[in-house]
Amino acid sequence: MSIDPLTAVYWVSDAMLAEFGLFPVHAPVMRCTDAGSVPLPLADLRWPAGRAFDPDRLRRLLHGIASGSDLPAVPVYREAGATIATVLDGAHRLPIIRALGGESAPCVLVSRDEAEILYAYPDGQGDLL
């Protein structure tokens, strides 16, 4: 899906958070009950550099967080022995977690085969941070 460059955003502003009565809390900010999900530090996640985000999609996620909805874990792949994991999908959740003061994201680690077949790893992730 293409993001309209005229409406794209590159971070989640305090004003956008305020639309949903949210503010930075430095605590777990996203409800996720996926079996097998683990919290991974944002600093240990590689995601597309300079990624533009669809503001409507961000707002739908913010609404879900504000209403206490259960959101799916972020699928990631980590090479054997590596500390950094590559985000395969769900990148819109990461700037929201960061803006809310979160330090980790609920993630589900997938196998290399799953990463390649389901998410076109390693070519489907673009230029990563």
Protein backbone atom coordinates (compact mmCIF):
# COMPACT_ATOMS: atom_id res chain seq x y z
CA MET A 1 0.00 0.00 0.00
CA SER A 2 1.35 3.39 -0.99
CA ILE A 3 1.40 6.24 1.50
CA ASP A 4 0.29 9.65 0.26
CA PRO A 5 3.39 11.90 0.53
CA LEU A 6 1.15 14.92 1.20
CA THR A 7 -0.31 13.41 4.37
CA ALA A 8 2.51 11.10 5.50
CA VAL A 9 4.03 11.60 8.93
CA TYR A 10 7.44 10.54 10.20
CA TRP A 11 6.77 10.48 13.95
CA VAL A 12 3.81 10.50 16.33
CA SER A 13 3.34 13.96 17.77
CA ASP A 14 2.08 14.83 21.25
CA ALA A 15 -0.93 16.43 19.52
CA MET A 16 -1.79 13.14 17.79
CA LEU A 17 -1.51 11.31 21.13
CA ALA A 18 -3.74 13.94 22.76
CA GLU A 19 -6.50 13.28 20.20
CA PHE A 20 -6.99 9.96 22.02
CA GLY A 21 -6.30 11.16 25.55
CA LEU A 22 -2.87 9.53 25.55
CA PHE A 23 0.46 10.83 26.82
CA PRO A 24 3.95 9.39 27.47
CA VAL A 25 3.87 7.09 30.48
CA HIS A 26 7.17 5.12 30.42
CA ALA A 27 5.33 1.84 31.00
CA PRO A 28 3.99 -0.98 28.84
CA VAL A 29 1.80 0.90 26.41
CA MET A 30 0.37 -1.76 24.13
CA ARG A 31 -1.88 -4.60 25.24
CA CYS A 32 -0.81 -7.85 23.57
CA THR A 33 -1.77 -11.32 24.71
CA ASP A 34 -0.34 -13.26 21.75
CA ALA A 35 1.01 -16.60 22.89
CA GLY A 36 4.77 -16.63 22.55
CA SER A 37 5.18 -12.86 22.37
CA VAL A 38 8.20 -11.41 24.15
CA PRO A 39 9.08 -7.79 24.93
CA LEU A 40 12.11 -6.67 22.92
CA PRO A 41 13.83 -3.31 23.52
CA LEU A 42 13.14 -0.79 20.75
CA ALA A 43 16.90 -0.28 20.58
CA ASP A 44 17.27 -3.93 19.51
CA LEU A 45 14.85 -3.62 16.57
CA ARG A 46 15.83 -2.68 13.02
CA TRP A 47 13.06 -1.10 10.99
CA PRO A 48 12.89 0.91 7.75
CA ALA A 49 14.99 4.08 7.90
CA GLY A 50 13.15 7.30 7.06
CA ARG A 51 9.86 5.41 6.94
CA ALA A 52 6.78 7.50 6.24
CA PHE A 53 3.67 6.48 8.15
CA ASP A 54 0.02 6.70 7.17
CA PRO A 55 -1.62 9.03 9.72
CA ASP A 56 -5.00 7.26 9.38
CA ARG A 57 -3.41 3.93 10.23
CA LEU A 58 -1.57 5.49 13.18
CA ARG A 59 -4.87 6.93 14.43
CA ARG A 60 -6.60 3.53 14.17
CA LEU A 61 -3.82 1.99 16.26
CA LEU A 62 -3.95 4.86 18.77
CA HIS A 63 -7.70 4.36 19.09
CA GLY A 64 -7.10 0.66 19.78
CA ILE A 65 -4.51 1.46 22.44
CA ALA A 66 -6.72 4.10 24.06
CA SER A 67 -9.66 1.69 24.19
CA GLY A 68 -7.52 -1.13 25.63
CA SER A 69 -7.82 -3.37 22.58
CA ASP A 70 -5.49 -6.32 22.21
CA LEU A 71 -3.05 -5.63 19.35
CA PRO A 72 -0.95 -8.31 17.65
CA ALA A 73 2.73 -8.73 18.41
CA VAL A 74 5.27 -7.36 15.95
CA PRO A 75 6.77 -10.21 13.89
CA VAL A 76 10.58 -10.08 13.86
CA TYR A 77 13.45 -12.24 12.68
CA ARG A 78 16.81 -12.45 14.44
CA GLU A 79 19.81 -14.16 12.83
CA ALA A 80 21.44 -16.82 14.99
CA GLY A 81 23.74 -15.19 17.57
CA ALA A 82 22.54 -11.64 16.75
CA THR A 83 21.16 -9.22 19.31
CA ILE A 84 19.35 -7.04 16.75
CA ALA A 85 16.07 -8.30 15.27
CA THR A 86 14.57 -7.16 11.95
CA VAL A 87 10.97 -5.95 12.00
CA LEU A 88 9.06 -7.84 9.33
CA ASP A 89 5.63 -6.22 9.70
CA GLY A 90 3.82 -3.88 12.06
CA ALA A 91 6.24 -0.96 11.86
CA HIS A 92 3.41 1.54 12.51
CA ARG A 93 3.26 0.31 16.11
CA LEU A 94 6.87 1.24 16.85
CA PRO A 95 6.71 5.06 16.62
CA ILE A 96 3.53 4.92 18.73
CA ILE A 97 5.26 2.89 21.42
CA ARG A 98 8.23 5.29 21.32
CA ALA A 99 5.97 8.39 21.49
CA LEU A 100 4.15 6.92 24.49
CA GLY A 101 7.44 6.48 26.31
CA GLY A 102 7.64 2.73 25.88
CA GLU A 103 11.05 1.12 25.80
CA SER A 104 10.05 -2.27 24.37
CA ALA A 105 7.58 -3.77 21.92
CA PRO A 106 5.74 -7.07 22.17
CA CYS A 107 7.31 -9.20 19.44
CA VAL A 108 7.01 -12.69 18.10
CA LEU A 109 10.20 -14.27 16.79
CA VAL A 110 9.68 -16.15 13.52
CA SER A 111 11.90 -18.70 11.82
CA ARG A 112 14.08 -17.89 8.82
CA ASP A 113 11.72 -19.90 6.60
CA GLU A 114 8.69 -17.95 7.86
CA ALA A 115 10.55 -14.66 7.39
CA GLU A 116 11.45 -15.52 3.80
CA ILE A 117 8.09 -16.99 2.78
CA LEU A 118 5.66 -14.70 4.60
CA TYR A 119 7.61 -11.42 4.65
CA ALA A 120 10.05 -11.62 1.70
CA TYR A 121 13.02 -11.40 4.07
CA PRO A 122 15.64 -10.05 3.56
CA ASP A 123 14.60 -8.03 0.48
CA GLY A 124 11.13 -6.96 1.65
CA GLN A 125 12.26 -4.69 4.47
CA GLY A 126 13.86 -1.82 2.55
CA ASP A 127 16.72 0.23 4.01
CA LEU A 128 16.89 -0.51 7.71
CA LEU A 129 18.05 1.58 10.64
